[in-house]
Protein backbone atom coordinates (compact mmCIF):
# COMPACT_ATOMS: atom_id res chain seq x y z
CA UNK A 1 19.69 56.43 -46.36
CA UNK A 2 16.11 57.13 -47.20
CA UNK A 3 14.17 59.83 -45.30
CA UNK A 4 11.05 57.71 -45.78
CA UNK A 5 10.56 54.04 -45.76
CA UNK A 6 7.27 52.43 -46.92
CA UNK A 7 7.01 48.77 -45.74
CA UNK A 8 4.43 45.98 -45.09
CA UNK A 9 4.54 42.15 -44.35
CA UNK A 10 3.16 40.20 -47.22
CA UNK A 11 1.56 36.81 -46.45
CA UNK A 12 3.83 35.21 -48.85
CA UNK A 13 6.88 36.33 -51.19
CA UNK A 14 4.73 36.01 -54.44
CA UNK A 15 2.39 38.47 -53.21
CA UNK A 16 3.15 42.08 -54.15
CA UNK A 17 2.15 45.00 -52.10
CA UNK A 18 -0.03 46.94 -54.30
CA UNK A 19 -1.03 49.47 -51.95
CA UNK A 20 2.88 50.45 -51.18
CA UNK A 21 3.38 50.98 -54.85
CA UNK A 22 0.43 53.48 -55.10
CA UNK A 23 1.91 55.37 -52.19
CA UNK A 24 5.39 55.45 -53.76
CA UNK A 25 4.06 56.40 -57.26
CA UNK A 26 2.26 59.34 -55.76
CA UNK A 27 5.05 60.75 -53.38
CA UNK A 28 5.85 63.62 -55.71
CA UNK A 29 9.02 65.43 -55.06
CA UNK A 30 9.60 63.25 -52.15
CA UNK A 31 9.78 60.04 -54.22
CA UNK A 32 13.68 60.13 -54.56
CA UNK A 33 13.75 60.14 -50.74
CA UNK A 34 11.49 57.24 -50.32
CA UNK A 35 12.35 53.42 -50.29
CA UNK A 36 10.00 50.61 -50.40
CA UNK A 37 10.58 47.40 -48.42
CA UNK A 38 8.66 44.26 -48.67
CA UNK A 39 8.64 41.60 -46.11
CA UNK A 40 6.86 38.60 -45.10
CA UNK A 41 4.88 37.36 -42.18
CA UNK A 42 7.33 34.61 -41.43
CA UNK A 43 10.27 36.65 -41.03
CA UNK A 44 11.75 37.38 -37.64
CA UNK A 45 10.69 40.87 -36.14
CA UNK A 46 14.14 42.15 -35.22
CA UNK A 47 15.48 41.26 -38.56
CA UNK A 48 12.72 43.61 -39.98
CA UNK A 49 13.69 46.32 -37.53
CA UNK A 50 17.25 46.04 -38.47
CA UNK A 51 16.52 46.29 -42.11
CA UNK A 52 14.32 49.44 -41.81
CA UNK A 53 16.67 51.21 -39.40
CA UNK A 54 19.64 50.56 -41.79
CA UNK A 55 17.91 52.98 -44.01
CA UNK A 56 18.06 55.72 -41.26
CA UNK A 57 14.52 56.90 -42.02
CA UNK A 58 12.74 59.89 -40.34
CA UNK A 59 9.33 58.38 -41.32
CA UNK A 60 8.35 54.79 -41.78
CA UNK A 61 4.98 54.06 -43.21
CA UNK A 62 3.54 50.61 -42.58
CA UNK A 63 0.48 48.81 -44.53
CA UNK A 64 -1.58 47.12 -41.84
CA UNK A 65 -3.83 44.10 -43.02
CA UNK A 66 -5.87 41.24 -41.32
CA UNK A 67 -3.00 38.68 -42.31
CA UNK A 68 -0.20 40.81 -40.73
CA UNK A 69 -1.69 42.91 -37.79
CA UNK A 70 -0.13 40.77 -35.09
CA UNK A 71 3.32 40.72 -36.60
CA UNK A 72 3.13 44.47 -37.39
CA UNK A 73 2.06 45.24 -33.80
CA UNK A 74 5.41 43.54 -32.62
CA UNK A 75 7.28 45.36 -35.32
CA UNK A 76 6.07 48.97 -34.29
CA UNK A 77 6.52 48.13 -30.53
CA UNK A 78 10.21 46.94 -31.24
CA UNK A 79 10.89 49.80 -33.67
CA UNK A 80 9.70 52.34 -31.30
CA UNK A 81 11.76 50.96 -28.39
CA UNK A 82 14.87 50.92 -30.41
CA UNK A 83 14.35 54.25 -32.28
CA UNK A 84 11.88 56.30 -30.58
CA UNK A 85 12.43 59.34 -32.79
CA UNK A 86 11.28 57.59 -35.89
CA UNK A 87 7.92 58.73 -36.81
CA UNK A 88 5.68 55.58 -37.59
CA UNK A 89 2.52 56.29 -39.80
CA UNK A 90 0.11 53.36 -40.16
CA UNK A 91 -2.39 52.93 -42.94
CA UNK A 92 -4.52 50.11 -44.53
CA UNK A 93 -7.96 48.45 -43.99
CA UNK A 94 -7.05 46.82 -40.59
CA UNK A 95 -6.43 50.33 -38.99
CA UNK A 96 -9.11 52.25 -40.89
CA UNK A 97 -12.04 51.34 -38.68
CA UNK A 98 -12.32 50.96 -35.02
CA UNK A 99 -8.99 52.62 -35.10
CA UNK A 100 -8.70 53.66 -31.48
CA UNK A 101 -9.36 50.24 -30.23
CA UNK A 102 -6.22 48.62 -31.52
CA UNK A 103 -2.88 48.30 -29.53
CA UNK A 104 -0.91 48.89 -32.67
CA UNK A 105 -2.28 52.51 -33.13
CA UNK A 106 -1.55 53.22 -29.62
CA UNK A 107 2.10 52.58 -30.38
CA UNK A 108 2.23 54.71 -33.67
CA UNK A 109 2.49 58.38 -34.17
CA UNK A 110 -0.09 58.73 -36.93
CA UNK A 111 -2.82 56.74 -38.55
CA UNK A 112 -4.30 57.39 -41.93
CA UNK A 113 -7.63 55.93 -42.45
CA UNK A 114 -9.14 55.09 -45.82
CA UNK A 115 -7.46 55.54 -49.02
CA UNK A 116 -4.12 57.09 -48.37
CA UNK A 117 -2.57 57.40 -51.84
CA UNK A 118 -2.33 61.16 -51.71
CA UNK A 119 -2.63 61.79 -47.95
CA UNK A 120 0.43 59.89 -47.00
CA UNK A 121 2.75 62.26 -49.17
CA UNK A 122 0.89 65.33 -47.74
CA UNK A 123 1.66 64.14 -44.20
CA UNK A 124 5.18 63.64 -45.07
CA UNK A 125 5.52 67.03 -46.54
CA UNK A 126 3.95 68.58 -43.31
CA UNK A 127 6.47 66.69 -41.12
CA UNK A 128 9.68 67.13 -43.17
CA UNK A 129 9.39 70.41 -45.16
CA UNK A 130 10.04 73.72 -43.41
CA UNK A 131 7.02 75.60 -42.37
CA UNK A 132 7.54 78.34 -44.77
CA UNK A 133 8.53 76.33 -47.83
CA UNK A 134 6.28 76.74 -51.00
CA UNK A 135 5.72 72.98 -51.17
CA UNK A 136 4.33 72.92 -47.67
CA UNK A 137 2.25 75.95 -48.48
CA UNK A 138 0.49 74.30 -51.22
CA UNK A 139 -0.12 70.92 -49.64
CA UNK A 140 -1.20 71.88 -46.00
CA UNK A 141 -4.65 70.47 -46.27
CA UNK A 142 -4.92 67.38 -44.01
CA UNK A 143 -6.82 67.61 -40.78
CA UNK A 144 -4.40 66.34 -37.94
CA UNK A 145 -6.91 66.74 -35.24
CA UNK A 146 -5.76 64.96 -32.19
CA UNK A 147 -8.19 62.01 -31.15
CA UNK A 148 -9.99 62.46 -28.04
CA UNK A 149 -10.05 58.84 -27.06
CA UNK A 150 -8.47 58.50 -23.65
CA UNK A 151 -6.40 55.39 -24.27
CA UNK A 152 -4.71 56.79 -27.39
CA UNK A 153 -1.98 59.35 -26.16
CA UNK A 154 0.36 59.41 -29.30
CA UNK A 155 -1.58 58.59 -32.24
CA UNK A 156 -2.96 61.25 -34.36
CA UNK A 157 -5.82 59.92 -36.68
CA UNK A 158 -6.16 61.38 -40.07
CA UNK A 159 -9.19 60.70 -42.09
CA UNK A 160 -7.93 60.62 -45.72
CA UNK A 161 -10.40 62.42 -48.32
CA UNK A 162 -11.41 60.09 -51.00
CA UNK A 163 -9.07 60.69 -53.92
CA UNK A 164 -10.15 61.47 -57.28
CA UNK A 165 -8.66 58.74 -59.41
CA UNK A 166 -7.71 60.95 -62.15
CA UNK A 167 -5.43 62.70 -59.75
CA UNK A 168 -3.54 59.32 -58.95
CA UNK A 169 -0.36 58.41 -60.68
CA UNK A 170 -0.60 54.87 -61.65
CA UNK A 171 2.01 52.51 -59.88
CA UNK A 172 2.52 49.90 -62.71
CA UNK A 173 6.11 51.06 -63.59
CA UNK A 174 7.17 50.09 -60.11
CA UNK A 175 6.79 46.49 -60.78
CA UNK A 176 10.25 45.23 -61.06
CA UNK A 177 11.53 42.64 -63.73
CA UNK A 178 11.77 40.24 -60.71
CA UNK A 179 8.10 40.92 -59.89
CA UNK A 180 7.02 40.22 -63.46
CA UNK A 181 8.99 36.99 -63.61
CA UNK A 182 8.07 35.55 -60.25
CA UNK A 183 5.30 37.36 -58.49
CA UNK A 184 1.55 38.04 -58.75
CA UNK A 185 0.83 41.39 -60.35
CA UNK A 186 -2.28 43.15 -59.07
CA UNK A 187 -4.03 45.60 -61.11
CA UNK A 188 -7.36 47.51 -60.95
CA UNK A 189 -9.60 49.33 -63.39
CA UNK A 190 -12.13 50.62 -60.86
CA UNK A 191 -12.42 50.92 -57.12
CA UNK A 192 -15.44 50.57 -54.95
CA UNK A 193 -18.54 48.16 -54.85
CA UNK A 194 -22.19 48.94 -55.50
CA UNK A 195 -23.53 46.21 -53.12
CA UNK A 196 -23.92 46.33 -49.27
CA UNK A 197 -23.18 42.81 -48.15
CA UNK A 198 -22.76 43.18 -44.25
CA UNK A 199 -19.91 40.95 -44.01
CA UNK A 200 -17.59 42.89 -46.61
CA UNK A 201 -15.42 45.99 -46.29
CA UNK A 202 -16.55 46.84 -49.75
CA UNK A 203 -19.99 47.52 -48.24
CA UNK A 204 -18.53 50.77 -46.71
CA UNK A 205 -17.05 51.94 -50.01
CA UNK A 206 -18.43 54.82 -51.80
CA UNK A 207 -20.03 54.01 -55.34
CA UNK A 208 -17.70 52.63 -57.93
CA UNK A 209 -15.28 54.84 -59.55
CA UNK A 210 -13.33 54.06 -62.71
CA UNK A 211 -9.85 54.87 -63.63
CA UNK A 212 -9.19 56.27 -67.07
CA UNK A 213 -9.75 53.35 -69.53
CA UNK A 214 -7.18 54.71 -71.90
CA UNK A 215 -4.41 55.30 -69.19
CA UNK A 216 -4.99 51.92 -67.54
CA UNK A 217 -4.80 49.94 -70.92
CA UNK A 218 -1.60 51.99 -71.83
CA UNK A 219 -0.05 50.71 -68.50
CA UNK A 220 -1.18 47.22 -69.13
CA UNK A 221 0.35 47.42 -72.67
CA UNK A 222 3.69 48.43 -71.09
CA UNK A 223 3.59 45.45 -68.69
CA UNK A 224 2.87 43.09 -71.55
CA UNK A 225 5.81 44.64 -73.52
CA UNK A 226 8.09 43.86 -70.47
CA UNK A 227 7.09 40.34 -70.36
CA UNK A 228 4.25 40.23 -67.80
CA UNK A 229 1.79 37.49 -68.61
CA UNK A 230 -0.33 37.03 -65.42
CA UNK A 231 -2.63 39.72 -63.98
CA UNK A 232 -4.89 39.60 -60.89
CA UNK A 233 -7.67 42.23 -61.03
CA UNK A 234 -8.57 43.32 -57.66
CA UNK A 235 -11.98 45.04 -59.01
CA UNK A 236 -14.73 44.07 -56.51
CA UNK A 237 -17.05 43.99 -59.52
CA UNK A 238 -15.25 43.65 -62.84
CA UNK A 239 -18.42 42.98 -64.78
CA UNK A 240 -20.36 45.88 -63.39
CA UNK A 241 -19.55 48.43 -66.24
CA UNK A 242 -19.95 46.15 -69.21
CA UNK A 243 -18.41 48.64 -71.65
CA UNK A 244 -15.25 48.79 -69.59
CA UNK A 245 -15.15 45.05 -68.85
CA UNK A 246 -15.52 44.01 -72.49
CA UNK A 247 -13.03 46.83 -73.53
CA UNK A 248 -10.35 45.10 -71.13
CA UNK A 249 -11.18 41.59 -72.44
CA UNK A 250 -10.86 42.60 -76.22
CA UNK A 251 -7.47 44.46 -75.24
CA UNK A 252 -5.98 41.24 -73.72
CA UNK A 253 -7.50 38.88 -76.31
CA UNK A 254 -6.12 40.85 -79.25
CA UNK A 255 -2.62 40.54 -77.51
CA UNK A 256 -2.89 37.00 -76.40
CA UNK A 257 0.18 35.02 -76.05
CA UNK A 258 0.78 31.56 -74.51
CA UNK A 259 1.13 31.96 -70.79
CA UNK A 260 -1.28 34.68 -70.49
CA UNK A 261 -3.55 34.33 -67.27
CA UNK A 262 -6.17 36.72 -66.13
CA UNK A 263 -8.03 36.59 -62.79
CA UNK A 264 -11.14 38.63 -62.45
CA UNK A 265 -13.79 38.80 -59.66
CA UNK A 266 -17.31 38.70 -61.21
CA UNK A 267 -20.82 39.41 -60.26
CA UNK A 268 -22.37 35.89 -60.52
CA UNK A 269 -25.75 36.97 -61.74
CA UNK A 270 -24.51 39.39 -64.45
CA UNK A 271 -23.35 37.96 -67.55
CA UNK A 272 -25.17 39.17 -70.60
CA UNK A 273 -24.54 38.04 -74.07
CA UNK A 274 -22.22 40.97 -74.85
CA UNK A 275 -19.54 39.38 -72.43
CA UNK A 276 -20.31 35.90 -73.25
CA UNK A 277 -19.38 36.51 -76.70
CA UNK A 278 -15.86 37.75 -75.75
CA UNK A 279 -15.41 35.44 -72.99
CA UNK A 280 -15.94 32.34 -75.23
CA UNK A 281 -13.05 33.32 -77.46
CA UNK A 282 -10.38 32.97 -74.87
CA UNK A 283 -8.24 29.79 -75.02
CA UNK A 284 -8.05 27.26 -72.22
CA UNK A 285 -6.16 28.30 -69.24
CA UNK A 286 -6.40 32.21 -69.92
CA UNK A 287 -9.34 33.24 -67.67
CA UNK A 288 -10.00 32.62 -64.17
CA UNK A 289 -13.24 34.02 -62.58
CA UNK A 290 -13.81 34.31 -58.90
CA UNK A 291 -17.48 34.38 -58.10
CA UNK A 292 -18.63 35.01 -54.73
CA UNK A 293 -21.95 32.94 -54.06
CA UNK A 294 -21.57 33.16 -50.35
CA UNK A 295 -24.86 31.61 -49.78
CA UNK A 296 -27.99 30.08 -51.77
CA UNK A 297 -30.36 30.82 -48.87
CA UNK A 298 -32.57 33.77 -49.95
CA UNK A 299 -33.50 34.43 -46.35
CA UNK A 300 -29.75 34.66 -45.26
CA UNK A 301 -29.20 36.90 -48.11
CA UNK A 302 -31.81 39.29 -47.11
CA UNK A 303 -30.51 39.31 -43.47
CA UNK A 304 -27.03 40.40 -44.65
CA UNK A 305 -28.44 42.82 -47.27
CA UNK A 306 -27.14 40.84 -50.26
CA UNK A 307 -28.91 40.96 -53.54
CA UNK A 308 -28.65 37.94 -55.77
CA UNK A 309 -30.56 36.31 -58.36
CA UNK A 310 -29.91 32.64 -57.69
CA UNK A 311 -31.54 31.30 -60.77
CA UNK A 312 -29.34 33.59 -63.01
CA UNK A 313 -26.28 32.40 -61.01
CA UNK A 314 -27.33 28.86 -61.97
CA UNK A 315 -27.85 29.72 -65.58
CA UNK A 316 -24.29 31.48 -65.81
CA UNK A 317 -22.26 28.98 -64.05
CA UNK A 318 -23.82 26.27 -66.16
CA UNK A 319 -23.06 28.21 -69.43
CA UNK A 320 -19.43 28.75 -68.37
CA UNK A 321 -19.04 25.25 -67.66
CA UNK A 322 -20.49 24.00 -70.85
CA UNK A 323 -19.38 26.45 -73.30
CA UNK A 324 -16.11 27.92 -72.14
CA UNK A 325 -12.67 26.68 -70.59
CA UNK A 326 -12.81 29.44 -67.97
CA UNK A 327 -11.42 28.40 -64.62
CA UNK A 328 -14.31 29.25 -62.12
CA UNK A 329 -13.48 29.56 -58.34
CA UNK A 330 -16.64 29.99 -56.38
CA UNK A 331 -17.00 31.11 -52.72
CA UNK A 332 -19.34 29.98 -49.94
CA UNK A 333 -19.18 31.31 -46.46
CA UNK A 334 -19.75 29.05 -43.31
CA UNK A 335 -21.38 30.82 -40.23
CA UNK A 336 -23.44 33.61 -41.64
CA UNK A 337 -26.52 34.75 -39.47
CA UNK A 338 -29.40 32.48 -40.07
CA UNK A 339 -27.49 29.79 -41.95
CA UNK A 340 -27.88 26.32 -40.39
CA UNK A 341 -25.91 23.21 -41.07
CA UNK A 342 -28.64 21.85 -43.30
CA UNK A 343 -29.11 25.08 -45.28
CA UNK A 344 -25.21 25.30 -45.68
CA UNK A 345 -25.27 21.67 -46.97
CA UNK A 346 -27.98 22.37 -49.47
CA UNK A 347 -26.29 25.22 -50.80
CA UNK A 348 -22.99 23.26 -51.28
CA UNK A 349 -24.68 20.59 -52.97
CA UNK A 350 -26.41 23.14 -55.41
CA UNK A 351 -22.97 24.74 -56.10
CA UNK A 352 -21.19 21.19 -56.72
CA UNK A 353 -23.93 20.41 -59.39
CA UNK A 354 -22.86 23.68 -61.15
CA UNK A 355 -19.25 22.21 -61.48
CA UNK A 356 -17.06 25.13 -60.73
CA UNK A 357 -13.37 24.00 -60.84
CA UNK A 358 -12.80 25.29 -57.16
CA UNK A 359 -15.27 25.85 -54.24
CA UNK A 360 -13.56 27.87 -51.49
CA UNK A 361 -15.44 27.13 -48.20
CA UNK A 362 -14.68 30.30 -46.17
CA UNK A 363 -15.35 30.83 -42.42
CA UNK A 364 -17.12 34.07 -41.61
CA UNK A 365 -14.75 36.87 -40.41
CA UNK A 366 -15.92 39.82 -38.39
CA UNK A 367 -13.96 42.57 -40.27
CA UNK A 368 -13.50 45.90 -38.46
CA UNK A 369 -16.11 48.36 -39.52
CA UNK A 370 -18.44 45.96 -41.17
CA UNK A 371 -22.28 46.08 -40.15
CA UNK A 372 -22.45 42.20 -39.72
CA UNK A 373 -22.16 43.06 -35.84
CA UNK A 374 -25.92 44.11 -35.80
CA UNK A 375 -26.84 40.41 -35.93
CA UNK A 376 -24.61 39.44 -32.66
CA UNK A 377 -27.35 39.45 -30.19
CA UNK A 378 -30.21 38.00 -32.24
CA UNK A 379 -28.20 35.32 -33.73
CA UNK A 380 -25.61 34.73 -31.02
CA UNK A 381 -22.74 35.35 -33.16
CA UNK A 382 -19.44 34.89 -31.39
CA UNK A 383 -16.25 35.75 -32.88
CA UNK A 384 -12.53 34.99 -32.04
CA UNK A 385 -10.90 38.51 -30.98
CA UNK A 386 -7.82 37.58 -32.76
CA UNK A 387 -7.02 37.93 -36.34
CA UNK A 388 -8.53 36.83 -38.62
CA UNK A 389 -11.71 37.17 -36.22
CA UNK A 390 -13.49 34.02 -37.35
CA UNK A 391 -16.94 33.06 -36.26
CA UNK A 392 -16.61 30.61 -33.30
CA UNK A 393 -20.29 29.79 -32.87
CA UNK A 394 -23.71 31.02 -33.72
CA UNK A 395 -27.42 30.44 -32.65
CA UNK A 396 -27.72 27.49 -35.21
CA UNK A 397 -23.98 26.31 -35.29
CA UNK A 398 -22.29 25.31 -32.11
CA UNK A 399 -18.24 25.46 -31.77
CA UNK A 400 -17.99 21.67 -32.62
CA UNK A 401 -19.97 21.95 -35.77
CA UNK A 402 -17.97 24.99 -37.00
CA UNK A 403 -14.77 23.21 -36.11
CA UNK A 404 -15.94 20.36 -38.15
CA UNK A 405 -16.87 22.63 -41.04
CA UNK A 406 -13.40 24.30 -40.82
CA UNK A 407 -11.71 20.80 -41.14
CA UNK A 408 -14.22 19.99 -44.10
CA UNK A 409 -12.98 23.18 -45.83
CA UNK A 410 -9.27 22.28 -45.50
CA UNK A 411 -10.03 18.73 -46.55
CA UNK A 412 -11.95 19.83 -49.55
CA UNK A 413 -9.12 22.16 -50.38
CA UNK A 414 -6.55 19.49 -50.29
CA UNK A 415 -8.69 17.00 -52.44
CA UNK A 416 -11.15 18.75 -54.52
CA UNK A 417 -9.60 22.29 -55.11
CA UNK A 418 -5.94 21.24 -55.59
CA UNK A 419 -6.42 19.66 -59.02
CA UNK A 420 -4.72 16.56 -57.86
CA UNK A 421 -7.91 14.33 -57.72
CA UNK A 422 -9.75 15.53 -60.73
CA UNK A 423 -10.90 12.03 -61.92
CA UNK A 424 -10.86 10.50 -58.49
CA UNK A 425 -13.50 13.14 -57.19
CA UNK A 426 -16.06 11.26 -59.15
CA UNK A 427 -15.63 8.11 -57.08
CA UNK A 428 -16.32 9.87 -53.73
CA UNK A 429 -19.86 10.30 -54.65
CA UNK A 430 -22.04 7.29 -53.67
CA UNK A 431 -25.07 6.28 -55.84
CA UNK A 432 -28.46 6.75 -54.28
CA UNK A 433 -29.66 3.46 -52.69
CA UNK A 434 -32.24 2.01 -55.03
CA UNK A 435 -35.82 2.82 -54.05
CA UNK A 436 -34.82 5.51 -51.77
CA UNK A 437 -36.50 8.97 -51.48
CA UNK A 438 -34.95 12.18 -51.05
CA UNK A 439 -31.86 13.68 -53.01
CA UNK A 440 -28.46 12.23 -52.69
CA UNK A 441 -26.06 14.91 -50.73
CA UNK A 442 -22.50 15.17 -51.86
CA UNK A 443 -21.92 17.60 -48.90
CA UNK A 444 -22.83 14.60 -46.57
CA UNK A 445 -20.67 12.20 -48.57
CA UNK A 446 -17.56 14.33 -48.42
CA UNK A 447 -18.28 15.45 -44.76
CA UNK A 448 -18.14 11.61 -43.99
CA UNK A 449 -14.63 11.27 -45.76
CA UNK A 450 -13.54 14.40 -44.06
CA UNK A 451 -14.35 13.10 -40.66
CA UNK A 452 -12.78 9.76 -41.33
CA UNK A 453 -9.44 11.40 -42.61
CA UNK A 454 -9.24 13.40 -39.47
CA UNK A 455 -9.87 10.38 -37.26
CA UNK A 456 -6.67 8.54 -38.97
CA UNK A 457 -4.55 11.42 -39.45
CA UNK A 458 -5.22 13.87 -36.62
CA UNK A 459 -4.73 16.61 -39.30
CA UNK A 460 -7.08 18.51 -41.65
CA UNK A 461 -4.16 20.17 -43.56
CA UNK A 462 -0.62 19.67 -44.41
CA UNK A 463 -0.88 16.10 -45.47
CA UNK A 464 1.55 15.07 -48.03
CA UNK A 465 0.25 14.26 -51.64
CA UNK A 466 1.56 10.56 -51.50
CA UNK A 467 -0.15 10.22 -48.10
CA UNK A 468 -3.33 11.49 -49.40
CA UNK A 469 -3.26 9.08 -52.21
CA UNK A 470 -2.83 6.17 -49.70
CA UNK A 471 -5.66 7.36 -47.54
CA UNK A 472 -8.02 8.08 -50.63
CA UNK A 473 -7.14 4.42 -51.85
CA UNK A 474 -8.04 2.96 -48.41
CA UNK A 475 -11.21 5.02 -48.18
CA UNK A 476 -12.52 4.36 -51.65
CA UNK A 477 -11.75 0.59 -51.43
CA UNK A 478 -12.34 -0.39 -47.97
CA UNK A 479 -15.19 2.16 -46.77
CA UNK A 480 -16.83 2.74 -50.19
CA UNK A 481 -16.23 -0.92 -51.41
CA UNK A 482 -14.97 0.02 -54.86
CA UNK A 483 -12.91 -2.33 -56.73
CA UNK A 484 -9.24 -1.84 -56.12
CA UNK A 485 -7.91 -1.80 -59.82
CA UNK A 486 -9.94 0.92 -61.39
CA UNK A 487 -9.63 2.93 -58.27
CA UNK A 488 -5.70 2.67 -58.43
CA UNK A 489 -5.78 3.40 -62.18
CA UNK A 490 -7.76 6.59 -61.53
CA UNK A 491 -5.49 7.71 -58.85
CA UNK A 492 -2.46 6.98 -60.91
CA UNK A 493 -3.64 9.22 -63.72
CA UNK A 494 -4.39 12.02 -61.37
CA UNK A 495 -1.04 11.63 -59.54
CA UNK A 496 0.74 12.15 -62.76
CA UNK A 497 -1.00 15.55 -63.41
CA UNK A 498 1.68 17.40 -61.87
CA UNK A 499 4.54 15.57 -63.77
CA UNK A 500 5.23 12.99 -61.08
CA UNK A 501 6.47 9.61 -62.12
CA UNK A 502 7.08 7.90 -58.68
CA UNK A 503 4.40 5.33 -57.84
CA UNK A 504 2.73 5.51 -54.37
CA UNK A 505 3.22 2.23 -52.68
CA UNK A 506 -0.66 1.23 -52.56
CA UNK A 507 -0.85 1.55 -56.23
CA UNK A 508 2.18 -0.52 -57.35
CA UNK A 509 0.26 -3.88 -57.28
CA UNK A 510 -2.35 -2.71 -59.73
CA UNK A 511 -0.31 -0.30 -62.11
CA UNK A 512 1.78 -1.35 -64.97
CA UNK A 513 4.63 0.79 -66.53
CA UNK A 514 2.56 1.39 -69.64
CA UNK A 515 -0.39 2.99 -67.82
CA UNK A 516 0.66 6.46 -67.89
CA UNK A 517 -1.27 9.66 -68.41
CA UNK A 518 -1.01 11.25 -71.73
CA UNK A 519 0.48 14.80 -72.18
CA UNK A 520 -1.79 17.69 -71.28
CA UNK A 521 -3.75 19.00 -74.23
CA UNK A 522 -2.71 22.52 -72.92
CA UNK A 523 1.18 22.63 -71.93
CA UNK A 524 1.17 23.05 -68.12
CA UNK A 525 3.92 25.64 -68.02
CA UNK A 526 1.49 28.27 -69.87
CA UNK A 527 -0.74 28.47 -66.92
CA UNK A 528 -0.43 28.34 -63.13
CA UNK A 529 -0.01 24.72 -61.69
CA UNK A 530 -3.35 24.52 -59.86
CA UNK A 531 -5.18 25.31 -62.97
CA UNK A 532 -3.07 23.16 -65.31
CA UNK A 533 -3.70 20.12 -63.37
CA UNK A 534 -7.29 20.43 -64.52
CA UNK A 535 -6.56 20.54 -68.26
CA UNK A 536 -7.57 17.15 -70.09
CA UNK A 537 -4.75 15.25 -71.57
CA UNK A 538 -4.64 14.17 -75.21
CA UNK A 539 -6.99 11.30 -74.46
CA UNK A 540 -9.67 13.54 -72.91
CA UNK A 541 -9.17 12.46 -69.20
C-alpha cells in the first residue's frame, strides 16, 4: 500500500520519467509513503488503472506531456469512474498552459502548473496531514484558489512558484540498476532558456538558472561509480555558461571509459575556442550534439523572434565536421510562418553541405501557451486540434505540400539518419548537367526519391531494411542509371554495418563471399547503435 502514487506514461520503455524522480526525491517525510510507477503509452488503460489501484492510494499524481495526453485523459476518466474518492493531481507542460481548455483537467481534482518539484509535496501535506499538525503548519503556502472558468467544476488550479534550485534535492539516486543498464539517463545542470523562439515552450521560461556545479558533478560521479555510461543532458542551452559547460566536459573527459556517451543541446552559433579545445579531445563515439537550426531564412527568424548568426553556424558545424568525431544531430522545422517550399529547400541544401550526421526534419507544432499563435491570421496557420498539434497548412504551404514534406521527413529518417546507408547516400546525389546554370539541389533530388518510394510502397515509414535495400538498388540503377555492380557493392558494405551477414536477394548476383565490410574502427558495442553504424571501418569506409 502507498498513500501516494506518482505515475506517467512514457513514450517508450527506454525513456525514464525524469520529472517523477524529481517529485519523489522532494517528497520529504512523505517519501516513504510514495511509490513511483512508470508505464508506456502502448499499455492498455485498464491495466494501468488496475496497477495503480492495487497500491490503494489516496492521491495519484500524473505527469502529462504532448506524447501521452490522450492516453492520460482515458486513464483519468476510468480511474475516477472506478474509484471516485482517489484524488487525482495533474502536472507537466501539457497542462501548464491553457489549462482550463483541456478535458483531462475537468476530470482531475487538482492541476499544478509550472515546476511542481516542491508544490506537489506541499499539496499532499495539505490533503493528508491533520490541520493542526506541525508539518502542515509549516508548509501551508500554496494558493489553492478555485478557478472561475465555468466548464471546470472539480479541478483546482495551483500555480507553483518557481523553485530555487538550491532548495531541490537531486533525483539521481532514484535511477535503479536496471535504469542504468537499459534506459536513457536524463540529467540537467541548468533550467530555462535565454531565447524567445515563439514555437518553443522554453520561450516562456524565466532566465537560465544553474544547479550547484559541485553538487551536480558529485551526483554524476556517483552514477559513474554505479556503472552509468550514457547521459542525456536536457539543458536547453548547454553552452550558454561557458565556465560550467567546460567544467562538465572536463569532468567526463577525466573519467572517460569505453562506452561513455554524452548528449548535449548546443546553441549552434556559440562555440568559442575555449570549448573547441576540450571538445576536440574526446574520442569517437563519446559526444553527440543536438543543434537547433530550425531555419536559415533570416526573415522567418525575425518573425518568430529567433536570434541566430547563420554565418557562425556554418563555421561551427564545418569545424565540428572537419576537426572532431562528434556526432552532430541538426534540426529543421517545416511550416514556420513565412517559410515557403523554396525557402525550406534552400535551408535544407545549406545544412546538407555542412554534413551533420543526422538532419531531423520536424513538423511545426502549436504547443500550448507558445506565442506562435500571433501569426495565425496573417500567415493562415492551420493546426491539428489533436496531439501533437502539427501544422496542417499555411499561407505558403498547402496541406498536400506539408503532407509530402512529412513523408520526405520519414523517408530521410529511414535512409539518411538511420546510419544504414552512410556510403550509399553519396549515390543519391545527381551531378549537375554540364553547362547548366543554377545550383544543384539535394533537397529536390531526395524529394524525388521520397515521392518515388511512396508511389511504390504506399508507405513513408515502417519499411524493413531489406526492402529498403531492394528499393534503393532499383532506384539507383534504373531511375538514376548507375552501374549495378558498384551500387550493389556499396549497399552491401552499408548493409553489414549493423553486423548483418544475410545478403538481400537483389545484391547476390553482384557480391562474392569475400566482399565483406571490415570491422569498425570503434567497437560498435561502445556507443549507441545508430551512431555506431557511422563509424568508419578499418579500411576507412
